[in-house]
Every structure is written in C-alpha cells, then in structure tokens.
N, C-alpha and C. Protein backbone atom coordinates (compact mmCIF):
# COMPACT_ATOMS: atom_id res chain seq x y z
N UNK A 1 132.73 95.68 209.43
CA UNK A 1 131.75 96.09 208.77
C UNK A 1 131.38 95.56 207.43
N UNK A 2 130.42 95.24 207.36
CA UNK A 2 130.06 94.43 206.37
C UNK A 2 129.62 94.96 204.98
N UNK A 3 130.66 94.68 203.71
CA UNK A 3 130.30 95.30 202.71
C UNK A 3 129.13 95.08 201.82
N UNK A 4 129.07 96.23 201.18
CA UNK A 4 128.58 96.48 199.73
C UNK A 4 127.60 95.75 198.67
N UNK A 5 127.17 94.95 198.43
CA UNK A 5 127.31 94.03 197.14
C UNK A 5 127.73 94.98 195.79
N UNK A 6 128.29 94.75 195.21
CA UNK A 6 128.86 95.84 194.10
C UNK A 6 128.22 96.20 193.26
N UNK A 7 128.22 97.26 192.55
CA UNK A 7 126.96 98.09 192.21
C UNK A 7 127.86 98.89 191.17
N UNK A 8 127.46 99.00 190.00
CA UNK A 8 128.59 99.94 188.60
C UNK A 8 126.99 100.78 187.84
N UNK A 9 127.18 101.72 186.99
CA UNK A 9 126.62 102.18 186.15
C UNK A 9 127.49 102.52 185.32
N UNK A 10 127.26 101.77 183.76
CA UNK A 10 127.46 102.56 182.24
C UNK A 10 126.80 103.44 181.84
N UNK A 11 127.60 103.96 181.41
CA UNK A 11 127.07 105.70 180.24
C UNK A 11 127.29 105.59 179.54
N UNK A 12 126.89 105.28 177.73
CA UNK A 12 126.92 105.50 176.90
C UNK A 12 127.64 106.61 175.91
N UNK A 13 127.54 108.25 176.77
CA UNK A 13 128.29 109.23 176.41
C UNK A 13 129.32 109.70 177.88
N UNK A 14 130.07 110.53 177.41
CA UNK A 14 131.18 111.08 178.42
C UNK A 14 129.90 111.77 179.23
N UNK A 15 131.05 112.35 180.56
CA UNK A 15 129.99 113.41 181.54
C UNK A 15 128.94 112.26 181.95
N UNK A 16 129.02 110.97 181.87
CA UNK A 16 127.60 110.65 182.28
C UNK A 16 126.37 110.96 182.22
N UNK A 17 126.17 110.74 180.43
CA UNK A 17 125.38 111.16 179.79
C UNK A 17 124.89 110.10 178.68
N UNK A 18 123.84 110.23 177.87
CA UNK A 18 123.19 108.96 177.31
C UNK A 18 122.40 108.08 177.71
N UNK A 19 122.47 107.04 177.20
CA UNK A 19 121.77 105.59 178.32
C UNK A 19 122.74 105.39 179.50
N UNK A 20 121.88 105.11 180.32
CA UNK A 20 122.31 104.35 181.38
C UNK A 20 122.10 103.39 182.05
N UNK A 21 122.69 102.20 182.27
CA UNK A 21 122.10 100.95 182.88
C UNK A 21 123.12 100.69 184.49
N UNK A 22 122.37 100.57 185.62
CA UNK A 22 123.23 99.44 186.31
C UNK A 22 123.38 98.10 186.19
N UNK A 23 124.48 97.37 187.11
CA UNK A 23 124.88 96.19 186.90
C UNK A 23 125.17 95.76 188.16
N UNK A 24 125.13 94.61 189.14
CA UNK A 24 125.63 94.18 189.99
C UNK A 24 126.11 92.36 189.88
N UNK A 25 126.18 92.47 188.97
CA UNK A 25 126.98 91.33 188.59
C UNK A 25 127.65 90.91 187.23
N UNK A 26 128.06 89.75 187.12
CA UNK A 26 128.90 89.74 186.24
C UNK A 26 127.92 89.73 184.44
N UNK A 27 128.92 90.21 183.74
CA UNK A 27 128.30 90.77 182.73
C UNK A 27 129.26 90.00 181.21
N UNK A 28 128.86 89.04 180.71
CA UNK A 28 129.67 87.84 179.85
C UNK A 28 129.71 88.14 178.53
N UNK A 29 128.18 88.99 178.41
CA UNK A 29 128.25 89.81 176.99
C UNK A 29 127.43 90.71 177.27
N UNK A 30 127.98 91.83 176.74
CA UNK A 30 127.11 93.25 176.68
C UNK A 30 126.13 93.24 175.57
N UNK A 31 126.07 92.59 174.54
CA UNK A 31 125.62 92.75 173.20
C UNK A 31 123.97 92.61 173.60
N UNK A 32 123.83 92.33 174.42
CA UNK A 32 121.81 92.57 174.55
C UNK A 32 121.57 93.33 175.46
N UNK A 33 122.69 94.07 175.90
CA UNK A 33 122.18 95.22 176.49
C UNK A 33 121.83 96.48 175.98
N UNK A 34 122.33 96.29 175.16
CA UNK A 34 122.86 98.17 174.59
C UNK A 34 124.01 98.74 174.76
N UNK A 35 124.81 98.00 175.21
CA UNK A 35 126.63 98.71 175.87
C UNK A 35 127.23 98.59 175.12
N UNK A 36 127.18 96.84 174.32
CA UNK A 36 128.50 96.45 173.37
C UNK A 36 129.36 97.17 172.92
N UNK A 37 130.79 97.52 173.63
CA UNK A 37 131.35 98.30 172.58
C UNK A 37 130.78 100.45 172.45
N UNK A 38 129.84 100.46 173.62
CA UNK A 38 129.51 101.78 173.88
C UNK A 38 129.27 102.41 175.08
N UNK A 39 130.23 101.82 176.07
CA UNK A 39 130.54 102.38 177.45
C UNK A 39 131.82 103.18 176.91
N UNK A 40 131.07 104.69 177.60
CA UNK A 40 131.77 106.17 177.81
C UNK A 40 132.32 106.37 179.11
N UNK A 41 131.56 106.24 179.81
CA UNK A 41 131.86 106.37 181.44
C UNK A 41 131.15 105.34 182.35
N UNK A 42 131.43 105.90 183.32
CA UNK A 42 131.57 104.88 184.32
C UNK A 42 131.22 105.60 185.96
N UNK A 43 130.49 105.21 186.30
CA UNK A 43 130.16 105.35 188.21
C UNK A 43 130.12 103.92 188.73
N UNK A 44 131.42 104.04 189.73
CA UNK A 44 130.98 102.94 190.51
C UNK A 44 130.93 103.16 191.88
N UNK A 45 129.57 102.21 192.15
CA UNK A 45 128.67 102.61 193.33
C UNK A 45 129.74 101.56 194.56
N UNK A 46 129.65 100.81 194.40
CA UNK A 46 130.32 99.91 195.60
C UNK A 46 130.97 98.86 194.51
N UNK A 47 132.83 98.29 195.31
CA UNK A 47 133.22 97.63 194.76
C UNK A 47 134.08 97.56 193.88
N UNK A 48 134.90 96.27 193.46
CA UNK A 48 135.85 96.78 192.76
C UNK A 48 135.62 95.89 191.29
N UNK A 49 135.85 96.63 190.07
CA UNK A 49 135.27 96.38 188.82
C UNK A 49 135.93 95.72 187.56
N UNK A 50 136.42 94.89 186.60
CA UNK A 50 137.01 94.70 185.88
C UNK A 50 136.30 94.74 184.82
N UNK A 51 136.41 95.71 183.58
CA UNK A 51 136.18 95.77 182.05
C UNK A 51 136.70 95.45 181.41
N UNK A 52 136.36 94.35 180.42
CA UNK A 52 136.81 93.67 179.17
C UNK A 52 136.79 94.65 178.19
N UNK A 53 138.20 94.41 177.23
CA UNK A 53 137.50 94.22 175.53
C UNK A 53 137.06 93.47 174.58
N UNK A 54 136.80 92.45 175.48
CA UNK A 54 135.75 90.99 174.52
C UNK A 54 134.78 90.81 175.00
N UNK A 55 134.43 89.83 174.88
CA UNK A 55 133.20 89.13 175.30
C UNK A 55 133.77 88.38 176.45
N UNK A 56 133.04 87.74 177.00
CA UNK A 56 133.52 86.74 178.18
C UNK A 56 134.35 86.67 178.81
N UNK A 57 134.94 87.84 179.35
CA UNK A 57 135.56 88.44 179.90
C UNK A 57 137.70 88.06 179.53
N UNK A 58 137.26 88.19 178.02
CA UNK A 58 138.71 88.50 177.45
C UNK A 58 139.14 89.83 177.23
N UNK A 59 140.53 89.80 176.59
CA UNK A 59 140.73 90.82 175.44
C UNK A 59 141.75 91.98 176.95
N UNK A 60 142.00 93.04 176.59
CA UNK A 60 142.58 94.05 177.47
C UNK A 60 141.63 94.37 178.55
N UNK A 61 141.81 94.81 179.81
CA UNK A 61 141.03 95.05 180.70
C UNK A 61 141.49 96.49 181.38
N UNK A 62 140.09 96.74 182.07
CA UNK A 62 140.21 98.53 182.66
C UNK A 62 139.48 98.37 183.76
N UNK A 63 140.38 98.41 185.25
CA UNK A 63 139.83 98.48 185.93
C UNK A 63 139.56 99.85 186.81
N UNK A 64 138.18 99.69 187.21
CA UNK A 64 137.72 100.79 188.22
C UNK A 64 137.11 100.35 189.33
N UNK A 65 137.04 101.16 190.71
CA UNK A 65 136.61 100.69 191.94
C UNK A 65 135.83 101.84 192.42
N UNK A 66 135.37 101.36 193.64
CA UNK A 66 134.05 102.14 195.00
C UNK A 66 134.70 103.65 194.87
N UNK A 67 133.83 104.92 194.28
CA UNK A 67 134.41 105.70 195.08
C UNK A 67 134.35 107.19 192.98
N UNK A 68 134.86 105.82 192.09
CA UNK A 68 134.91 106.57 190.97
C UNK A 68 134.16 107.04 190.17
N UNK A 69 134.00 107.94 189.65
CA UNK A 69 132.86 108.39 188.45
C UNK A 69 134.04 109.40 187.46
N UNK A 70 134.29 108.76 186.29
CA UNK A 70 135.28 108.87 185.63
C UNK A 70 134.35 108.59 184.18
N UNK A 71 135.30 109.64 182.77
CA UNK A 71 135.42 108.96 181.52
C UNK A 71 136.25 108.13 181.31
N UNK A 72 135.76 107.00 180.75
CA UNK A 72 136.78 106.11 180.41
C UNK A 72 138.09 106.68 179.85
N UNK A 73 139.60 106.63 179.31
CA UNK A 73 140.35 107.02 178.76
C UNK A 73 140.24 106.73 177.54
N UNK A 74 141.24 107.19 175.99
CA UNK A 74 140.46 106.79 174.75
C UNK A 74 141.09 105.08 174.38
N UNK A 75 141.88 104.89 175.13
CA UNK A 75 142.31 103.05 174.81
C UNK A 75 140.93 102.19 175.73
N UNK A 76 140.07 102.55 176.22
CA UNK A 76 138.66 102.19 176.81
C UNK A 76 137.66 102.36 176.09
N UNK A 77 137.91 103.81 175.97
CA UNK A 77 136.45 104.39 175.40
C UNK A 77 135.77 103.88 174.05
N UNK A 78 134.17 102.79 174.40
CA UNK A 78 133.63 102.64 173.13
C UNK A 78 134.16 100.71 172.94
N UNK A 79 135.20 100.18 173.55
CA UNK A 79 135.50 99.39 173.62
C UNK A 79 135.10 98.01 174.49
N UNK A 80 134.51 98.55 175.85
CA UNK A 80 133.97 97.68 176.76
C UNK A 80 132.74 95.98 176.11
N UNK A 81 132.96 94.80 176.50
CA UNK A 81 132.26 93.82 176.28
C UNK A 81 131.48 93.00 177.06
N UNK A 82 132.41 93.49 178.28
CA UNK A 82 132.03 92.73 179.37
C UNK A 82 132.96 93.07 180.54
N UNK A 83 131.95 92.34 181.59
CA UNK A 83 132.70 92.96 182.98
C UNK A 83 131.96 92.21 184.35
N UNK A 84 132.88 92.19 185.23
CA UNK A 84 132.65 91.48 186.52
C UNK A 84 133.22 91.89 187.72
N UNK A 85 132.31 92.23 188.56
CA UNK A 85 132.95 92.61 189.92
C UNK A 85 134.62 91.16 190.52
N UNK A 86 134.69 92.13 191.03
CA UNK A 86 136.10 91.00 191.82
C UNK A 86 135.65 91.08 193.24
N UNK A 87 135.64 89.76 194.17
CA UNK A 87 135.52 89.83 195.34
C UNK A 87 136.61 89.39 196.62
N UNK A 88 137.10 90.48 197.25
CA UNK A 88 138.22 90.67 197.81
C UNK A 88 138.42 91.33 198.40
N UNK A 89 139.24 91.17 199.89
CA UNK A 89 139.18 92.28 200.97
C UNK A 89 140.57 93.22 200.64
N UNK A 90 139.56 94.57 200.72
CA UNK A 90 140.87 95.47 200.08
C UNK A 90 140.99 96.58 201.66
N UNK A 91 140.83 95.64 202.67
CA UNK A 91 140.59 96.82 203.63
C UNK A 91 142.18 96.66 204.46
N UNK A 92 142.91 96.03 203.98
CA UNK A 92 144.02 95.54 204.95
C UNK A 92 145.37 96.33 203.52
N UNK A 93 146.22 97.18 204.61
CA UNK A 93 146.91 97.78 203.64
C UNK A 93 148.15 97.12 202.97
N UNK A 94 147.91 97.51 201.80
CA UNK A 94 148.69 97.13 200.10
C UNK A 94 150.21 96.93 200.65
N UNK A 95 150.63 95.55 200.11
CA UNK A 95 152.35 95.42 200.36
C UNK A 95 152.29 94.54 199.32
N UNK A 96 153.76 95.17 198.47
CA UNK A 96 154.30 93.58 197.48
C UNK A 96 155.46 94.39 196.76
N UNK A 97 156.03 93.09 196.55
CA UNK A 97 157.38 93.39 195.90
C UNK A 97 157.30 93.31 194.54
N UNK A 98 157.88 93.86 193.61
CA UNK A 98 158.73 93.68 192.25
C UNK A 98 159.99 92.92 192.10
N UNK A 99 159.76 92.32 190.99
CA UNK A 99 161.11 91.78 190.75
C UNK A 99 161.58 92.23 189.33
N UNK A 100 162.77 92.17 188.94
CA UNK A 100 163.11 92.23 187.75
C UNK A 100 163.51 90.92 186.83
N UNK A 101 163.48 89.77 187.29
CA UNK A 101 163.48 88.95 186.53
C UNK A 101 162.34 87.90 187.29
N UNK A 102 161.73 86.54 186.37
CA UNK A 102 161.22 85.63 186.26
C UNK A 102 161.35 84.54 187.33
N UNK A 103 160.15 84.19 188.08
CA UNK A 103 160.58 83.42 189.10
C UNK A 103 161.27 83.92 190.51
N UNK A 104 161.03 85.45 190.82
CA UNK A 104 161.35 86.14 191.79
C UNK A 104 162.65 86.43 192.07
N UNK A 105 163.80 86.76 191.08
CA UNK A 105 165.05 86.64 191.11
C UNK A 105 165.08 88.10 190.49
N UNK A 106 166.89 87.92 190.70
CA UNK A 106 166.84 89.38 190.67
C UNK A 106 166.92 90.51 191.39
N UNK A 107 167.27 91.79 190.93
CA UNK A 107 166.78 93.37 191.96
C UNK A 107 165.13 93.15 192.19
N UNK A 108 164.82 93.63 193.54
CA UNK A 108 163.74 93.81 193.82
C UNK A 108 163.22 95.21 194.69
N UNK A 109 162.16 95.17 194.38
CA UNK A 109 161.76 96.67 195.23
C UNK A 109 160.42 96.78 195.99
N UNK A 110 159.96 96.75 196.91
CA UNK A 110 159.07 96.92 197.48
C UNK A 110 158.52 97.90 198.13
N UNK A 111 157.00 97.64 197.34
CA UNK A 111 156.32 98.97 197.89
C UNK A 111 154.80 98.24 198.81
N UNK A 112 154.49 99.80 199.85
CA UNK A 112 153.89 99.46 200.74
C UNK A 112 152.76 100.65 201.48
N UNK A 113 151.71 100.41 201.54
CA UNK A 113 150.81 101.78 201.73
C UNK A 113 150.17 102.29 200.33
N UNK A 114 149.95 103.20 200.45
CA UNK A 114 148.60 104.27 199.66
C UNK A 114 149.35 104.83 198.74
N UNK A 115 150.55 104.74 198.60
CA UNK A 115 151.32 106.06 197.88
C UNK A 115 151.54 105.02 196.63
N UNK A 116 151.08 105.86 195.21
CA UNK A 116 150.55 105.49 194.23
C UNK A 116 152.17 106.28 193.41
N UNK A 117 152.88 105.52 192.42
CA UNK A 117 154.00 105.69 191.89
C UNK A 117 153.75 105.74 190.05
N UNK A 118 153.89 107.05 189.88
CA UNK A 118 153.31 107.45 188.41
C UNK A 118 154.92 106.85 187.67
N UNK A 119 156.24 107.03 188.16
CA UNK A 119 156.80 106.48 187.24
C UNK A 119 157.94 105.47 188.03
N UNK A 120 157.98 104.09 187.47
CA UNK A 120 158.48 103.57 188.30
C UNK A 120 160.36 103.50 187.39
N UNK A 121 160.57 104.59 186.69
CA UNK A 121 162.01 104.45 186.31
C UNK A 121 162.59 105.25 187.53
N UNK A 122 162.38 106.03 188.40
CA UNK A 122 162.68 106.36 189.41
C UNK A 122 163.44 105.43 190.76
N UNK A 123 162.70 104.55 190.14
CA UNK A 123 163.33 103.36 191.31
C UNK A 123 164.25 102.30 189.91
N UNK A 124 164.55 102.73 189.07
CA UNK A 124 165.50 101.87 187.65
C UNK A 124 164.67 100.43 188.06
N UNK A 125 163.43 100.84 187.44
CA UNK A 125 162.20 99.54 187.09
C UNK A 125 161.27 99.90 186.04
N UNK A 126 161.41 100.97 185.25
CA UNK A 126 160.52 101.69 184.36
C UNK A 126 160.98 100.12 183.06
N UNK A 127 159.57 99.37 182.62
CA UNK A 127 159.66 98.39 181.74
C UNK A 127 160.79 97.00 182.37
N UNK A 128 161.10 96.94 183.72
CA UNK A 128 161.67 95.86 183.87
C UNK A 128 161.09 94.84 184.79
N UNK A 129 159.56 94.56 185.13
CA UNK A 129 159.14 93.77 185.94
C UNK A 129 158.50 92.85 185.53
N UNK A 130 159.34 91.79 185.91
CA UNK A 130 158.46 90.38 185.45
C UNK A 130 158.17 89.56 186.27
N UNK A 131 158.10 89.71 187.90
CA UNK A 131 157.34 89.07 188.40
C UNK A 131 156.87 90.05 189.50
N UNK A 132 155.89 89.53 190.10
CA UNK A 132 155.25 90.08 191.07
C UNK A 132 155.10 88.91 192.50
N UNK A 133 155.29 89.34 193.91
CA UNK A 133 154.81 89.20 194.75
C UNK A 133 153.76 89.84 195.77
N UNK A 134 152.39 89.72 195.73
CA UNK A 134 151.54 90.49 196.37
C UNK A 134 151.72 89.97 197.81
N UNK A 135 152.13 89.95 198.51
CA UNK A 135 152.10 90.14 199.95
C UNK A 135 150.25 90.73 200.86
N UNK A 136 149.57 92.13 200.49
CA UNK A 136 148.49 92.15 201.04
C UNK A 136 147.61 93.15 199.88
N UNK A 137 146.62 93.46 199.93
CA UNK A 137 145.99 94.06 199.04
C UNK A 137 145.75 93.57 197.83
N UNK A 138 145.47 94.57 196.96
CA UNK A 138 145.71 94.95 195.70
C UNK A 138 146.68 96.00 194.59
N UNK A 139 147.00 95.73 193.36
CA UNK A 139 147.65 96.45 193.06
C UNK A 139 147.08 96.66 191.61
N UNK A 140 147.22 97.77 190.90
CA UNK A 140 147.53 97.73 189.32
C UNK A 140 148.92 98.32 188.83
N UNK A 141 149.37 97.70 187.68
CA UNK A 141 150.05 97.89 186.79
C UNK A 141 150.01 98.45 185.41
N UNK A 142 150.65 99.59 185.42
CA UNK A 142 150.10 100.54 184.01
C UNK A 142 151.10 100.15 182.92
N UNK A 143 150.96 100.03 182.06
CA UNK A 143 151.83 100.16 180.49
C UNK A 143 152.66 101.02 180.95
N UNK A 144 152.06 102.37 180.27
CA UNK A 144 152.69 103.62 180.67
C UNK A 144 153.07 104.48 181.75
N UNK A 145 153.75 104.92 181.95
CA UNK A 145 153.67 106.00 182.80
C UNK A 145 152.95 106.99 183.13
N UNK A 146 152.30 107.42 184.50
CA UNK A 146 151.52 108.12 184.84
C UNK A 146 150.01 107.38 184.36
N UNK A 147 150.20 106.35 184.96
CA UNK A 147 148.94 105.15 185.04
C UNK A 147 148.12 105.44 183.32
N UNK A 148 148.64 105.49 182.38
CA UNK A 148 148.36 105.21 181.26
C UNK A 148 148.75 103.66 180.42
N UNK A 149 147.48 103.60 179.31
CA UNK A 149 147.76 102.35 178.89
C UNK A 149 147.23 100.99 179.52
N UNK A 150 147.33 100.00 179.04
CA UNK A 150 147.31 98.81 179.75
C UNK A 150 147.30 98.73 180.81
N UNK A 151 146.45 97.81 181.93
CA UNK A 151 146.42 98.19 182.73
C UNK A 151 147.07 96.24 183.24
N UNK A 152 146.95 95.71 184.04
CA UNK A 152 147.57 94.67 184.94
C UNK A 152 146.61 94.56 186.47
N UNK A 153 146.14 93.79 186.70
CA UNK A 153 145.12 93.68 187.86
C UNK A 153 146.36 92.60 188.75
N UNK A 154 147.13 92.86 190.12
CA UNK A 154 147.63 91.81 190.80
C UNK A 154 146.49 91.98 192.37
N UNK A 155 146.11 90.70 192.91
CA UNK A 155 145.72 90.37 193.96
C UNK A 155 146.83 89.13 194.98
N UNK A 156 146.35 89.56 196.13
CA UNK A 156 147.66 88.98 196.80
C UNK A 156 147.80 87.25 196.37
N UNK A 157 149.04 87.07 196.51
CA UNK A 157 149.60 86.10 196.09
C UNK A 157 150.82 86.37 195.24
N UNK A 158 151.36 85.19 194.26
CA UNK A 158 153.17 85.04 193.18
C UNK A 158 152.20 85.21 192.03
N UNK A 159 153.00 86.21 191.10
CA UNK A 159 152.80 86.52 189.92
C UNK A 159 153.83 85.87 189.37
N UNK A 160 154.14 85.16 188.76
CA UNK A 160 155.57 85.16 187.71
C UNK A 160 155.02 84.77 186.50
N UNK A 161 155.30 86.15 185.65
CA UNK A 161 154.92 86.12 184.58
C UNK A 161 153.31 85.99 184.16
N UNK A 162 152.78 86.35 185.30
CA UNK A 162 150.77 86.44 184.76
C UNK A 162 150.27 87.48 185.85
N UNK A 163 149.43 87.99 185.74
CA UNK A 163 148.69 88.82 186.58
C UNK A 163 147.04 87.84 187.21
N UNK A 164 146.53 88.56 188.04
CA UNK A 164 145.21 88.07 188.08
C UNK A 164 144.03 88.17 187.21
N UNK A 165 144.43 89.60 186.30
CA UNK A 165 143.50 89.88 185.26
C UNK A 165 144.31 90.55 184.58
N UNK A 166 143.81 90.42 183.27
CA UNK A 166 145.28 91.41 182.19
C UNK A 166 146.29 90.22 181.72
N UNK A 167 146.36 90.21 180.38
CA UNK A 167 147.86 89.44 179.98
C UNK A 167 148.82 90.63 180.12
N UNK A 168 149.64 90.03 181.44
CA UNK A 168 150.23 90.64 181.26
C UNK A 168 151.87 90.75 180.85
N UNK A 169 152.31 91.52 180.22
CA UNK A 169 153.81 91.02 179.56
C UNK A 169 154.81 90.93 180.46
N UNK A 170 155.69 91.00 180.74
CA UNK A 170 156.82 91.14 181.33
C UNK A 170 157.55 92.13 180.54
N UNK A 171 158.31 93.05 181.65
CA UNK A 171 158.97 94.08 181.29
C UNK A 171 158.43 95.00 180.35
N UNK A 172 156.89 95.30 180.98
CA UNK A 172 155.99 96.06 180.31
C UNK A 172 154.99 97.22 181.53
N UNK A 173 155.53 97.44 182.59
CA UNK A 173 154.85 98.06 183.56
C UNK A 173 155.99 99.20 183.47
N UNK A 174 154.92 100.49 183.51
CA UNK A 174 156.11 102.08 183.85
C UNK A 174 155.67 102.12 184.85
N UNK A 175 154.03 102.48 185.46
CA UNK A 175 153.87 103.05 186.72
C UNK A 175 152.86 102.32 187.02
N UNK A 176 152.67 102.34 188.94
CA UNK A 176 152.30 101.41 190.17
C UNK A 176 151.37 101.82 191.04
N UNK A 177 150.11 101.11 190.91
CA UNK A 177 149.48 101.90 192.41
C UNK A 177 148.80 100.53 192.81
N UNK A 178 148.60 101.16 194.10
CA UNK A 178 147.48 100.24 195.22
C UNK A 178 145.67 100.37 194.95
N UNK A 179 144.91 99.50 195.09
CA UNK A 179 144.03 99.37 195.26
C UNK A 179 143.51 100.74 196.37
N UNK A 180 142.73 101.37 196.31
CA UNK A 180 142.52 101.73 197.82
C UNK A 180 140.50 102.30 197.23
N UNK A 181 139.80 101.62 198.11
CA UNK A 181 138.41 101.70 197.42
C UNK A 181 138.04 102.73 198.39
N UNK A 182 136.54 103.07 197.48
CA UNK A 182 136.14 104.59 198.28
C UNK A 182 136.72 106.11 197.63
N UNK A 183 136.18 107.01 198.00
CA UNK A 183 136.92 108.21 197.67
C UNK A 183 138.13 108.50 197.78
N UNK A 184 139.27 108.75 196.84
CA UNK A 184 140.55 109.27 197.24
C UNK A 184 140.80 110.08 196.27
N UNK A 185 141.80 110.87 196.18
CA UNK A 185 141.71 112.42 196.01
C UNK A 185 142.79 111.96 194.37
N UNK A 186 143.30 110.78 194.45
CA UNK A 186 144.21 110.81 193.17
C UNK A 186 143.88 109.08 192.79
N UNK A 187 142.68 109.30 192.62
CA UNK A 187 142.23 107.98 191.78
C UNK A 187 142.53 107.95 190.37
N UNK A 188 142.97 107.06 189.99
CA UNK A 188 142.90 106.73 188.17
C UNK A 188 141.57 107.45 187.47
C-alpha cells in the first residue's frame, strides 16, 4: 500500500478554530506564516510530524501522527516555531529494549506490539532509562507518567544517551508508547 504524502493542519485556537494552514513539507521557521508561537491545535491527515519549540528544528519537541486531531497540551500550546515530517516505515510491529545503564548495560526491559505504558514504575523503570535499542518501529518516551511532559522520539537503531529527535535526558522517562499511524483509540 503506497503511503500518502505527509500533511498537517495547524490552528491558532483550541478546538480547531481560528486561522488554519496546511503544511506538507518541513518548515524551519513559522515566523513568516503567521503561526510562530500561535499553534494551539492540530489535525494530522497523514504521516508523523515533529513540532519544535524553536526555529530551525530546535528545542523541546512534540510528536503527532496520522489520525490525531488534538488540542496541544499546555507545555506545547503557543510554543511551536518549526516542524517537519518524519519519513519512516511504521508498518512493522514495534519492538524495543530499554536499558537502565548507558552503553546498553544493566537491567533491561523488552516492549513489543501496540500496548502503551503510562507508568514505567510498574516495571521498576520510572526515571531509570539511560539507553534504548529499537529493533523495529518507532517509540515515544515521555518525561512524566500518563504521557505528559517532554517527549523523546526513538526510531529504529541504538540510542546511547541520545534520541532520534528531542534532547534525551537519561533517567528522565516515566511513560512509553509505540507509534501507531492512523486512528487509534488511545492516541496521545
């Protein structure tokens, strides 16, 4: 099945009101679009998008994906200054391993499939993740339980104190979720 080109609609007000604009390509600065630091809600028509706090894809990130039509949480509301789509194959079943120590050492926990984990404390991994190996798919780590706070994006590969997107802080992940494109009943 061929994938559709990425497309996102930004809105300046909550509940998909106010000015709106569609984007299909990376935007390194929203300064000349009238949307810099004004985005309050989004609708993702296709693809996975990373929204950035600063121009030129810098600062904190907020990840949104196909099928989501959401108001941004307070930590991302009116703070978005750039964005880009992520080209990646999300059709494979997600699988990853979290490690307690850097360099993929210490205790580890394997996660597979589409289950979301609102509290890593249930695995004695709350605020203990220092490295991540993603065997397949994509995953989002969240600073706080219940998918709140800063986000860190992890795509296939080994991440030793780093993330694919977002400034990964070791020992700062409290919830964990696979990326599932399309409508999903428990979307972030």
